[in-house]
Amino acid sequence: MIRYVVDFFRRNLMKKFLSLLTAVLLWFFVMEAQDPTIEGSYEITVTPSNVPYEFFVNCEEKTIKIKTRAPRSYFVKYDSNAFRAYANLDGLKEGEHELTPQIVMPQGFELVETNPPIVHVMIDSFTERQMPFELVTKGNVSSNTAIKNMTKSMDVVTVMGPKSLVEQVAKVFGTLTFSSNTESFEAQIPMKAVDKENNPVPLVRVVPSVITVDVDLESGAEKKIVPIVAELTTADGWEVTKISVDPAQIEITGAESVVNSIVTIKTVPFTVQTGQRVFKEKLKLEVPEGITVKTDEVNVSAEVVRKTVMSDVPRFTTINQNQDSN
């Protein structure tokens, strides 16, 4: 039996080898025809890895698109969840970085292209700071009702988040909306953090996120017209002259006790630069709580001139030479 098997493999060995090789090549040819190699694309999420402890990480590109090459059947078998893209932060310090994403794929796939080839990552430390917030009113109470008092649950909030973004926060505010109210009420006001251009600052959190405001209303609204005073200052050695406010007066409405205590309405303080010899600007009014006005902005113009320096005139004593010689 053993001899028969040995003779079988020895006899016509070359023909048998060629037959086997032909069969293998034919199998590959058939498989290639039935399951050809093609290219396909996947959109996958970029995940930061090795994130430094107690640091905030933000990847500008949330997803990337990869092009791969594999047999057609592989694209049926695997979806985008089988692929991973990592932004490796190992050894990186605080700041902005450009990284090549590391792609992990199932066996049998070949990476052809990554778009974009580079991802931008910011590593930032966490910080927080306390800030006063503004309460912006919108709408009006009933025509025969006045705001006697508004009480806020707190005057300062905490802004938390990445250091570079927290530093961009110029103000925190909430909007209190009136809709012809006739009775006192309590409102929950969401807080918003914005930059100098009044654009929301992303990835920062205001704590608490909601402020409670108690609005005390009373029947009978008092009206009064008061002058507007522009609060303008400038550098030492200069002075602001010919100040003009348009409109020069404004009508205020509120509870009688509040209205009677107000003599003027001032603009927010503003420092005029010495380079602005002629100053023209639209300034906000500082409207006291419990008072409503038709507009909270006025046009202010002025001139900036050097201060006149007064010097003492020296006094001279006339000496009579004849008297001196005597």
Protein backbone atom coordinates (compact mmCIF):
# COMPACT_ATOMS: atom_id res chain seq x y z
CA MET A 1 0.00 0.00 0.00
CA ILE A 2 2.74 2.44 0.93
CA ARG A 3 4.65 1.53 -2.19
CA TYR A 4 1.59 2.18 -4.31
CA VAL A 5 1.22 5.66 -2.85
CA VAL A 6 4.94 6.46 -3.38
CA ASP A 7 4.77 5.20 -6.99
CA PHE A 8 1.66 7.31 -7.57
CA PHE A 9 3.47 10.52 -6.67
CA ARG A 10 6.68 9.55 -8.48
CA ARG A 11 4.95 8.57 -11.71
CA ASN A 12 4.38 11.54 -14.10
CA LEU A 13 5.47 13.99 -11.43
CA MET A 14 5.95 16.90 -13.83
CA LYS A 15 2.50 16.47 -15.37
CA LYS A 16 0.89 16.37 -11.95
CA PHE A 17 2.75 19.52 -10.86
CA LEU A 18 1.71 21.38 -14.00
CA SER A 19 -1.89 20.25 -13.50
CA LEU A 20 -1.88 21.52 -9.93
CA LEU A 21 -0.36 24.86 -10.98
CA THR A 22 -2.93 25.24 -13.74
CA ALA A 23 -5.75 24.51 -11.30
CA VAL A 24 -4.47 27.14 -8.83
CA LEU A 25 -4.11 29.76 -11.55
CA LEU A 26 -7.54 28.93 -12.88
CA TRP A 27 -8.99 29.29 -9.38
CA PHE A 28 -7.42 32.73 -8.97
CA PHE A 29 -8.67 33.74 -12.40
CA VAL A 30 -12.22 32.65 -11.61
CA MET A 31 -12.16 34.30 -8.19
CA GLU A 32 -10.84 37.54 -9.69
CA ALA A 33 -13.62 37.49 -12.23
CA GLN A 34 -16.23 36.76 -9.60
CA ASP A 35 -14.76 38.97 -6.81
CA PRO A 36 -12.60 41.65 -8.47
CA THR A 37 -10.50 44.18 -6.56
CA ILE A 38 -12.24 47.56 -6.49
CA GLU A 39 -11.93 50.87 -4.67
CA GLY A 40 -14.41 52.29 -2.20
CA SER A 41 -14.71 55.17 0.26
CA TYR A 42 -15.74 55.46 3.90
CA GLU A 43 -16.37 58.50 6.10
CA ILE A 44 -15.11 57.84 9.60
CA THR A 45 -14.86 59.75 12.88
CA VAL A 46 -11.50 61.08 14.08
CA THR A 47 -10.82 60.08 17.71
CA PRO A 48 -8.02 61.71 19.76
CA SER A 49 -5.84 59.17 21.56
CA ASN A 50 -3.33 59.52 24.43
CA VAL A 51 -5.05 62.72 25.57
CA PRO A 52 -3.01 64.57 28.26
CA TYR A 53 -4.58 64.46 31.71
CA GLU A 54 -6.73 67.47 32.70
CA PHE A 55 -6.45 69.04 29.26
CA PHE A 56 -9.12 69.86 26.72
CA VAL A 57 -8.71 68.59 23.17
CA ASN A 58 -10.58 69.84 20.13
CA CYS A 59 -10.08 68.35 16.68
CA GLU A 60 -11.18 70.74 13.95
CA GLU A 61 -11.93 67.89 11.53
CA LYS A 62 -14.57 65.75 13.20
CA THR A 63 -14.62 63.22 10.33
CA ILE A 64 -12.35 62.33 7.43
CA LYS A 65 -12.93 60.41 4.21
CA ILE A 66 -10.70 57.47 3.32
CA LYS A 67 -10.41 55.66 -0.01
CA THR A 68 -9.54 51.95 0.21
CA ARG A 69 -8.90 49.04 -2.15
CA ALA A 70 -10.09 45.45 -1.54
CA PRO A 71 -12.06 42.60 -3.14
CA ARG A 72 -15.65 43.53 -3.85
CA SER A 73 -17.00 41.08 -1.28
CA TYR A 74 -15.12 42.95 1.48
CA PHE A 75 -17.13 46.10 0.87
CA VAL A 76 -20.29 44.08 1.36
CA LYS A 77 -18.94 42.49 4.54
CA TYR A 78 -17.60 45.66 6.26
CA ASP A 79 -19.16 49.07 6.84
CA SER A 80 -17.63 52.30 8.20
CA ASN A 81 -17.86 51.05 11.80
CA ALA A 82 -15.04 48.60 11.06
CA PHE A 83 -12.60 51.44 10.41
CA ARG A 84 -10.92 53.74 12.92
CA ALA A 85 -9.04 57.06 12.60
CA TYR A 86 -6.90 58.25 15.52
CA ALA A 87 -5.12 61.53 16.20
CA ASN A 88 -2.24 60.43 18.40
CA LEU A 89 -1.42 63.15 20.98
CA ASP A 90 1.36 61.24 22.72
CA GLY A 91 4.11 63.63 23.83
CA LEU A 92 2.38 66.78 22.57
CA LYS A 93 2.13 69.93 24.68
CA GLU A 94 -0.45 72.70 24.97
CA GLY A 95 -1.11 74.53 21.71
CA GLU A 96 -2.18 73.88 18.12
CA HIS A 97 -0.85 70.87 16.22
CA GLU A 98 -1.11 69.34 12.73
CA LEU A 99 -1.24 65.54 12.75
CA THR A 100 -1.46 62.76 10.21
CA PRO A 101 -4.39 60.53 11.23
CA GLN A 102 -3.59 56.89 11.95
CA ILE A 103 -6.00 54.59 10.11
CA VAL A 104 -6.90 51.12 11.41
CA MET A 105 -8.63 48.83 8.87
CA PRO A 106 -9.77 45.19 8.65
CA GLN A 107 -7.26 42.78 7.17
CA GLY A 108 -7.41 42.65 3.38
CA PHE A 109 -7.98 46.38 2.86
CA GLU A 110 -5.37 48.69 1.35
CA LEU A 111 -5.40 52.44 2.13
CA VAL A 112 -5.32 54.50 -1.06
CA GLU A 113 -6.03 58.05 0.11
CA THR A 114 -7.02 60.08 3.18
CA ASN A 115 -8.95 63.34 2.79
CA PRO A 116 -7.88 65.58 4.37
CA PRO A 117 -4.41 64.12 4.89
CA ILE A 118 -3.80 66.36 7.94
CA VAL A 119 -6.04 67.11 10.94
CA HIS A 120 -5.73 70.18 13.17
CA VAL A 121 -5.83 69.59 16.90
CA MET A 122 -5.85 72.13 19.75
CA ILE A 123 -4.68 71.08 23.21
CA ASP A 124 -5.82 73.55 25.85
CA SER A 125 -5.91 73.66 29.62
CA PHE A 126 -9.18 74.07 31.51
CA THR A 127 -9.83 77.33 33.31
CA GLU A 128 -12.66 79.33 34.82
CA ARG A 129 -13.37 82.95 35.71
CA GLN A 130 -16.17 84.86 37.36
CA MET A 131 -18.00 87.56 35.43
CA PRO A 132 -20.97 89.85 36.05
CA PHE A 133 -23.81 89.32 33.59
CA GLU A 134 -26.15 91.69 31.79
CA LEU A 135 -29.92 91.40 31.92
CA VAL A 136 -31.36 92.52 28.58
CA THR A 137 -35.08 93.32 28.50
CA LYS A 138 -37.28 92.77 25.46
CA GLY A 139 -40.87 93.94 25.03
CA ASN A 140 -42.92 95.96 27.51
CA VAL A 141 -45.26 95.48 30.42
CA SER A 142 -48.88 96.65 30.22
CA SER A 143 -49.35 100.35 29.49
CA ASN A 144 -50.89 101.01 32.93
CA THR A 145 -48.29 98.90 34.78
CA ALA A 146 -44.80 99.83 35.90
CA ILE A 147 -41.75 97.83 36.95
CA LYS A 148 -41.16 98.56 40.62
CA ASN A 149 -38.14 96.32 41.12
CA MET A 150 -36.25 93.37 39.60
CA THR A 151 -34.32 91.02 41.87
CA LYS A 152 -31.75 88.58 40.46
CA SER A 153 -30.83 85.37 42.25
CA MET A 154 -27.15 86.33 41.81
CA ASP A 155 -25.02 89.01 40.17
CA VAL A 156 -21.97 86.95 39.13
CA VAL A 157 -21.65 83.75 37.10
CA THR A 158 -18.69 81.45 36.37
CA VAL A 159 -17.48 80.82 32.83
CA MET A 160 -15.69 77.47 32.42
CA GLY A 161 -13.92 75.78 29.52
CA PRO A 162 -10.72 75.79 27.44
CA LYS A 163 -8.46 78.67 28.43
CA SER A 164 -8.15 80.19 24.96
CA LEU A 165 -11.95 80.20 24.51
CA VAL A 166 -12.78 81.48 28.00
CA GLU A 167 -10.48 84.43 27.29
CA GLN A 168 -12.61 85.25 24.23
CA VAL A 169 -15.74 85.77 26.32
CA ALA A 170 -16.49 89.50 26.37
CA LYS A 171 -19.78 89.34 28.24
CA VAL A 172 -22.47 87.05 29.60
CA PHE A 173 -26.10 88.04 29.23
CA GLY A 174 -29.65 86.80 29.51
CA THR A 175 -32.85 88.11 27.92
CA LEU A 176 -35.94 88.89 29.99
CA THR A 177 -39.02 89.10 27.77
CA PHE A 178 -42.08 91.17 28.69
CA SER A 179 -45.42 90.61 27.00
CA SER A 180 -47.87 93.23 28.35
CA ASN A 181 -47.56 91.79 31.86
CA THR A 182 -49.92 93.16 34.50
CA GLU A 183 -48.83 91.16 37.56
CA SER A 184 -45.53 90.39 39.25
CA PHE A 185 -43.83 87.22 38.05
CA GLU A 186 -40.72 85.05 38.29
CA ALA A 187 -38.65 84.14 35.23
CA GLN A 188 -35.89 81.62 34.51
CA ILE A 189 -33.31 83.32 32.28
CA PRO A 190 -30.75 81.21 30.33
CA MET A 191 -27.23 82.65 30.27
CA LYS A 192 -25.21 83.07 27.06
CA ALA A 193 -21.48 83.76 26.67
CA VAL A 194 -20.48 85.87 23.64
CA ASP A 195 -17.33 87.49 22.25
CA LYS A 196 -16.71 91.12 21.30
CA GLU A 197 -18.71 90.66 18.10
CA ASN A 198 -21.66 89.20 20.06
CA ASN A 199 -21.03 85.78 18.55
CA PRO A 200 -21.59 82.77 20.85
CA VAL A 201 -18.31 81.33 22.15
CA PRO A 202 -18.33 77.55 21.60
CA LEU A 203 -17.25 74.91 24.08
CA VAL A 204 -17.59 77.16 27.15
CA ARG A 205 -20.10 76.61 29.94
CA VAL A 206 -21.80 79.21 32.12
CA VAL A 207 -22.46 78.13 35.73
CA PRO A 208 -25.22 78.43 36.68
CA SER A 209 -26.71 78.21 33.21
CA VAL A 210 -30.04 79.70 34.34
CA ILE A 211 -30.66 82.73 36.58
CA THR A 212 -33.90 83.40 38.45
CA VAL A 213 -35.32 86.94 38.20
CA ASP A 214 -38.22 88.18 40.36
CA VAL A 215 -40.07 91.04 38.67
CA ASP A 216 -42.18 93.20 40.97
CA LEU A 217 -44.87 95.14 39.07
CA GLU A 218 -47.25 97.79 40.33
CA SER A 219 -50.29 99.48 38.85
CA GLY A 220 -49.85 102.97 37.52
CA ALA A 221 -46.92 103.95 35.35
CA GLU A 222 -45.22 107.31 35.73
CA LYS A 223 -43.60 109.04 32.76
CA LYS A 224 -40.94 111.71 32.74
CA ILE A 225 -38.59 113.39 30.25
CA VAL A 226 -34.98 113.68 31.41
CA PRO A 227 -31.78 114.91 29.71
CA ILE A 228 -29.15 112.48 28.41
CA VAL A 229 -25.56 112.96 29.59
CA ALA A 230 -22.66 111.55 27.54
CA GLU A 231 -19.97 110.02 29.77
CA LEU A 232 -16.83 110.74 27.72
CA THR A 233 -13.21 110.80 28.87
CA THR A 234 -9.87 111.08 27.11
CA ALA A 235 -6.14 110.98 27.80
CA ASP A 236 -4.32 113.39 30.13
CA GLY A 237 -3.48 116.68 28.47
CA TRP A 238 -6.57 116.51 26.29
CA GLU A 239 -10.20 117.42 26.81
CA VAL A 240 -13.52 116.64 25.16
CA THR A 241 -15.48 119.69 24.02
CA LYS A 242 -18.60 120.56 22.01
CA ILE A 243 -20.40 117.41 23.17
CA SER A 244 -23.70 116.85 21.37
CA VAL A 245 -26.26 114.11 22.06
CA ASP A 246 -29.06 113.18 19.67
CA PRO A 247 -31.70 112.97 21.04
CA ALA A 248 -30.78 115.28 23.91
CA GLN A 249 -33.70 114.08 26.06
CA ILE A 250 -35.56 110.84 26.54
CA GLU A 251 -38.85 109.76 28.05
CA ILE A 252 -38.59 107.24 30.85
CA THR A 253 -41.40 105.08 32.20
CA GLY A 254 -41.63 103.23 35.48
CA ALA A 255 -42.94 103.19 39.01
CA GLU A 256 -43.47 106.66 40.45
CA SER A 257 -40.94 106.15 43.24
CA VAL A 258 -38.28 105.08 40.73
CA VAL A 259 -39.01 107.71 38.08
CA ASN A 260 -38.97 110.58 40.58
CA SER A 261 -35.49 109.58 41.79
CA ILE A 262 -33.94 109.88 38.32
CA VAL A 263 -32.56 113.25 37.20
CA THR A 264 -30.57 112.22 34.10
CA ILE A 265 -29.85 109.16 31.99
CA LYS A 266 -26.16 108.58 31.24
CA THR A 267 -24.46 106.76 28.41
CA VAL A 268 -22.05 103.95 29.15
CA PRO A 269 -18.57 105.38 29.90
CA PHE A 270 -16.47 105.74 26.75
CA THR A 271 -12.81 106.76 26.33
CA VAL A 272 -12.19 108.86 23.23
CA GLN A 273 -8.82 108.34 21.56
CA THR A 274 -6.70 111.47 21.07
CA GLY A 275 -6.35 110.62 17.38
CA GLN A 276 -10.10 111.19 16.97
CA ARG A 277 -10.18 114.97 16.72
CA VAL A 278 -13.84 114.69 15.67
CA PHE A 279 -15.71 111.97 17.55
CA LYS A 280 -18.98 110.43 16.31
CA GLU A 281 -20.32 107.24 17.83
CA LYS A 282 -23.55 105.46 18.76
CA LEU A 283 -23.46 104.75 22.50
CA LYS A 284 -25.64 102.60 24.75
CA LEU A 285 -27.61 104.12 27.62
CA GLU A 286 -27.27 102.94 31.20
CA VAL A 287 -30.95 102.37 31.92
CA PRO A 288 -31.68 101.81 35.64
CA GLU A 289 -33.60 98.70 36.65
CA GLY A 290 -37.33 99.28 36.73
CA ILE A 291 -37.16 101.88 33.95
CA THR A 292 -38.15 101.37 30.33
CA VAL A 293 -37.21 103.59 27.38
CA LYS A 294 -38.15 103.52 23.71
CA THR A 295 -34.51 103.25 22.63
CA ASP A 296 -31.34 102.38 24.50
CA GLU A 297 -28.89 103.97 22.02
CA VAL A 298 -28.10 107.61 21.15
CA ASN A 299 -25.79 109.37 18.70
CA VAL A 300 -22.95 111.27 20.37
CA SER A 301 -20.52 113.69 18.72
CA ALA A 302 -17.69 115.76 20.19
CA GLU A 303 -14.28 117.29 19.52
CA VAL A 304 -10.98 116.40 21.21
CA VAL A 305 -8.53 119.27 21.79
CA ARG A 306 -5.39 119.85 23.80
CA LYS A 307 -5.88 121.47 27.19
CA THR A 308 -4.75 125.07 27.46
CA VAL A 309 -1.75 125.29 29.77
CA MET A 310 -1.81 128.43 31.91
CA SER A 311 1.69 129.63 32.88
CA ASP A 312 2.50 132.24 35.50
CA VAL A 313 3.75 135.60 34.09
CA PRO A 314 7.10 136.47 35.73
CA ARG A 315 7.18 139.72 37.68
CA PHE A 316 10.09 142.14 37.26
CA THR A 317 11.20 144.74 39.86
CA THR A 318 12.54 148.06 38.57
CA ILE A 319 15.51 149.36 40.50
CA ASN A 320 16.28 153.05 40.47
CA GLN A 321 20.02 153.24 39.91
CA ASN A 322 20.20 156.68 41.52
CA GLN A 323 18.62 155.37 44.69
CA ASP A 324 20.93 152.37 44.66
CA SER A 325 24.03 154.53 44.41
CA ASN A 326 22.91 156.64 47.37
